[in-house]
Amino acid sequence: MKTSTKNLLIGIVVVIVAVFLASVIVNVALAFLAAAFKLALIAFVALVLIAIGWAWLKRTRD
C-alpha cells in the first residue's frame, strides 16, 4: 500500500471517529441541557405557586 493511500485511509478513519465523538458529546450535552431546563422550569413554577400562595395568605389575613 502506498503511503498516500495509507494516509488517506487514516484521515478518513480519523474524520469518522471525530464525527462520532462529536455527535455523542452533543447528545450528552443536549440531555444535560434538557434536564437543567426541566429543573429550572419546575423551580420557576414552584416559585410562582409560592408567590401566589403568599399573596393569598397576606390578603386573607388582613
Protein backbone atom coordinates (compact mmCIF):
# COMPACT_ATOMS: atom_id res chain seq x y z
CA MET A 1 0.00 0.00 0.00
CA LYS A 2 1.34 3.43 -0.93
CA THR A 3 1.95 5.96 1.81
CA SER A 4 -0.54 8.45 0.35
CA THR A 5 -3.31 5.81 0.27
CA LYS A 6 -2.47 4.82 3.84
CA ASN A 7 -2.58 8.47 4.95
CA LEU A 8 -5.91 8.94 3.15
CA LEU A 9 -7.42 5.92 4.90
CA ILE A 10 -6.10 7.10 8.28
CA GLY A 11 -7.56 10.56 7.59
CA ILE A 12 -10.97 9.11 6.70
CA VAL A 13 -10.99 6.96 9.86
CA VAL A 14 -9.98 9.97 11.99
CA VAL A 15 -12.78 12.08 10.46
CA ILE A 16 -15.37 9.33 11.06
CA VAL A 17 -14.24 8.88 14.68
CA ALA A 18 -14.26 12.66 15.22
CA VAL A 19 -17.80 12.98 13.84
CA PHE A 20 -18.97 10.07 16.00
CA LEU A 21 -17.38 11.55 19.14
CA ALA A 22 -18.82 14.98 18.36
CA SER A 23 -22.32 13.53 17.97
CA VAL A 24 -22.00 11.65 21.28
CA ILE A 25 -20.75 14.79 23.06
CA VAL A 26 -23.57 16.90 21.58
CA ASN A 27 -26.19 14.30 22.57
CA VAL A 28 -24.89 14.19 26.15
CA ALA A 29 -24.78 17.98 26.32
CA LEU A 30 -28.34 18.24 25.00
CA ALA A 31 -29.54 15.68 27.53
CA PHE A 32 -27.96 17.66 30.37
CA LEU A 33 -29.37 20.89 28.93
CA ALA A 34 -32.86 19.39 28.73
CA ALA A 35 -32.60 18.15 32.32
CA ALA A 36 -31.33 21.52 33.53
CA PHE A 37 -34.09 23.32 31.61
CA LYS A 38 -36.70 20.99 33.10
CA LEU A 39 -35.37 21.60 36.63
CA ALA A 40 -35.33 25.36 36.04
CA LEU A 41 -38.91 25.22 34.78
CA ILE A 42 -40.00 23.22 37.84
CA ALA A 43 -38.25 25.70 40.14
CA PHE A 44 -39.88 28.64 38.33
CA VAL A 45 -43.36 27.12 38.63
CA ALA A 46 -42.73 26.36 42.30
CA LEU A 47 -41.67 29.96 42.94
CA VAL A 48 -44.77 31.28 41.15
CA LEU A 49 -47.01 28.99 43.22
CA ILE A 50 -45.26 30.07 46.43
CA ALA A 51 -45.69 33.73 45.48
CA ILE A 52 -49.39 33.21 44.70
CA GLY A 53 -49.91 31.35 47.98
CA TRP A 54 -48.05 34.00 49.96
CA ALA A 55 -50.07 36.83 48.36
CA TRP A 56 -53.31 34.93 49.03
CA LEU A 57 -52.34 34.38 52.69
CA LYS A 58 -51.46 38.06 53.14
CA ARG A 59 -54.78 39.09 51.59
CA THR A 60 -56.85 36.73 53.74
CA ARG A 61 -55.05 37.68 56.99
CA ASP A 62 -55.58 41.44 56.61
